[in-house]
C-alpha atoms as a PDB file:
ATOM      1  CA  UNK A   1     -40.511 -70.497 -89.888  1.00  0.00           C
ATOM      2  CA  UNK A   2     -43.763 -72.970 -89.331  1.00  0.00           C
ATOM      3  CA  UNK A   3     -46.774 -72.431 -87.071  1.00  0.00           C
ATOM      4  CA  UNK A   4     -45.884 -74.890 -84.458  1.00  0.00           C
ATOM      5  CA  UNK A   5     -42.217 -73.119 -84.111  1.00  0.00           C
ATOM      6  CA  UNK A   6     -43.553 -69.418 -83.489  1.00  0.00           C
ATOM      7  CA  UNK A   7     -46.020 -70.639 -80.972  1.00  0.00           C
ATOM      8  CA  UNK A   8     -43.135 -72.348 -79.323  1.00  0.00           C
ATOM      9  CA  UNK A   9     -41.382 -68.894 -79.550  1.00  0.00           C
ATOM     10  CA  UNK A  10     -44.737 -66.940 -78.077  1.00  0.00           C
ATOM     11  CA  UNK A  11     -45.338 -69.553 -75.012  1.00  0.00           C
ATOM     12  CA  UNK A  12     -41.252 -69.241 -74.148  1.00  0.00           C
ATOM     13  CA  UNK A  13     -41.419 -65.625 -74.685  1.00  0.00           C
ATOM     14  CA  UNK A  14     -44.745 -65.607 -72.310  1.00  0.00           C
ATOM     15  CA  UNK A  15     -42.788 -67.798 -69.281  1.00  0.00           C
ATOM     16  CA  UNK A  16     -39.517 -65.441 -69.534  1.00  0.00           C
ATOM     17  CA  UNK A  17     -41.943 -62.796 -68.731  1.00  0.00           C
ATOM     18  CA  UNK A  18     -43.775 -64.852 -66.263  1.00  0.00           C
ATOM     19  CA  UNK A  19     -40.809 -65.770 -64.560  1.00  0.00           C
ATOM     20  CA  UNK A  20     -39.149 -62.488 -64.614  1.00  0.00           C
ATOM     21  CA  UNK A  21     -42.501 -60.911 -63.224  1.00  0.00           C
ATOM     22  CA  UNK A  22     -42.223 -63.094 -60.546  1.00  0.00           C
ATOM     23  CA  UNK A  23     -38.181 -62.744 -59.515  1.00  0.00           C
ATOM     24  CA  UNK A  24     -38.853 -58.701 -59.199  1.00  0.00           C
ATOM     25  CA  UNK A  25     -41.891 -59.234 -56.867  1.00  0.00           C
ATOM     26  CA  UNK A  26     -39.426 -61.686 -55.085  1.00  0.00           C
ATOM     27  CA  UNK A  27     -36.708 -58.730 -54.988  1.00  0.00           C
ATOM     28  CA  UNK A  28     -38.906 -56.231 -54.175  1.00  0.00           C
ATOM     29  CA  UNK A  29     -40.444 -58.227 -50.861  1.00  0.00           C
ATOM     30  CA  UNK A  30     -36.400 -59.165 -50.199  1.00  0.00           C
ATOM     31  CA  UNK A  31     -36.082 -55.135 -50.620  1.00  0.00           C
ATOM     32  CA  UNK A  32     -38.971 -54.450 -48.067  1.00  0.00           C
ATOM     33  CA  UNK A  33     -37.783 -56.827 -45.358  1.00  0.00           C
ATOM     34  CA  UNK A  34     -34.631 -55.141 -45.469  1.00  0.00           C
ATOM     35  CA  UNK A  35     -35.461 -52.020 -45.146  1.00  0.00           C
ATOM     36  CA  UNK A  36     -38.089 -52.923 -42.083  1.00  0.00           C
ATOM     37  CA  UNK A  37     -34.601 -54.819 -40.522  1.00  0.00           C
ATOM     38  CA  UNK A  38     -32.824 -51.828 -41.019  1.00  0.00           C
ATOM     39  CA  UNK A  39     -35.534 -49.410 -39.534  1.00  0.00           C
ATOM     40  CA  UNK A  40     -35.500 -51.802 -36.195  1.00  0.00           C
ATOM     41  CA  UNK A  41     -31.780 -51.588 -35.836  1.00  0.00           C
ATOM     42  CA  UNK A  42     -32.043 -48.011 -36.481  1.00  0.00           C
ATOM     43  CA  UNK A  43     -34.222 -47.589 -33.474  1.00  0.00           C
ATOM     44  CA  UNK A  44     -32.500 -50.486 -31.165  1.00  0.00           C
ATOM     45  CA  UNK A  45     -29.775 -47.707 -31.548  1.00  0.00           C
ATOM     46  CA  UNK A  46     -31.212 -44.879 -30.519  1.00  0.00           C
ATOM     47  CA  UNK A  47     -32.645 -46.691 -27.651  1.00  0.00           C
ATOM     48  CA  UNK A  48     -28.896 -47.836 -26.934  1.00  0.00           C
ATOM     49  CA  UNK A  49     -27.937 -44.304 -26.996  1.00  0.00           C
ATOM     50  CA  UNK A  50     -29.880 -42.501 -25.187  1.00  0.00           C
ATOM     51  CA  UNK A  51     -29.610 -44.797 -22.548  1.00  0.00           C
ATOM     52  CA  UNK A  52     -26.305 -44.080 -22.790  1.00  0.00           C
ATOM     53  CA  UNK A  53     -27.037 -40.667 -22.097  1.00  0.00           C
ATOM     54  CA  UNK A  54     -27.905 -41.603 -18.934  1.00  0.00           C
ATOM     55  CA  UNK A  55     -24.682 -42.313 -17.347  1.00  0.00           C
ATOM     56  CA  UNK A  56     -22.529 -40.385 -15.464  1.00  0.00           C
ATOM     57  CA  UNK A  57     -20.993 -37.625 -17.301  1.00  0.00           C
ATOM     58  CA  UNK A  58     -17.013 -38.978 -16.181  1.00  0.00           C
ATOM     59  CA  UNK A  59     -18.439 -42.643 -17.719  1.00  0.00           C
ATOM     60  CA  UNK A  60     -17.174 -43.129 -21.398  1.00  0.00           C
ATOM     61  CA  UNK A  61     -14.460 -40.414 -21.593  1.00  0.00           C
ATOM     62  CA  UNK A  62     -11.486 -42.652 -21.610  1.00  0.00           C
ATOM     63  CA  UNK A  63     -10.263 -45.362 -23.342  1.00  0.00           C
ATOM     64  CA  UNK A  64      -7.417 -47.761 -21.939  1.00  0.00           C
ATOM     65  CA  UNK A  65      -4.586 -48.481 -24.027  1.00  0.00           C
ATOM     66  CA  UNK A  66      -2.280 -51.261 -22.078  1.00  0.00           C
ATOM     67  CA  UNK A  67      -3.680 -54.863 -20.979  1.00  0.00           C
END
């Protein structure tokens, strides 16, 4: 191997490490955004459950099986 090919390999490896770091940062950001969305969904579901608890006791007890 000559000096220029060693330099090219080192440059390629550096670019690969940089690309990997960027991809990892994007993945972490996407996971953080997904976690925030999930927490909002859980909070919304909790408010729906508490609103459903305010219904009269005779509602939500039966399922209509005919159309």
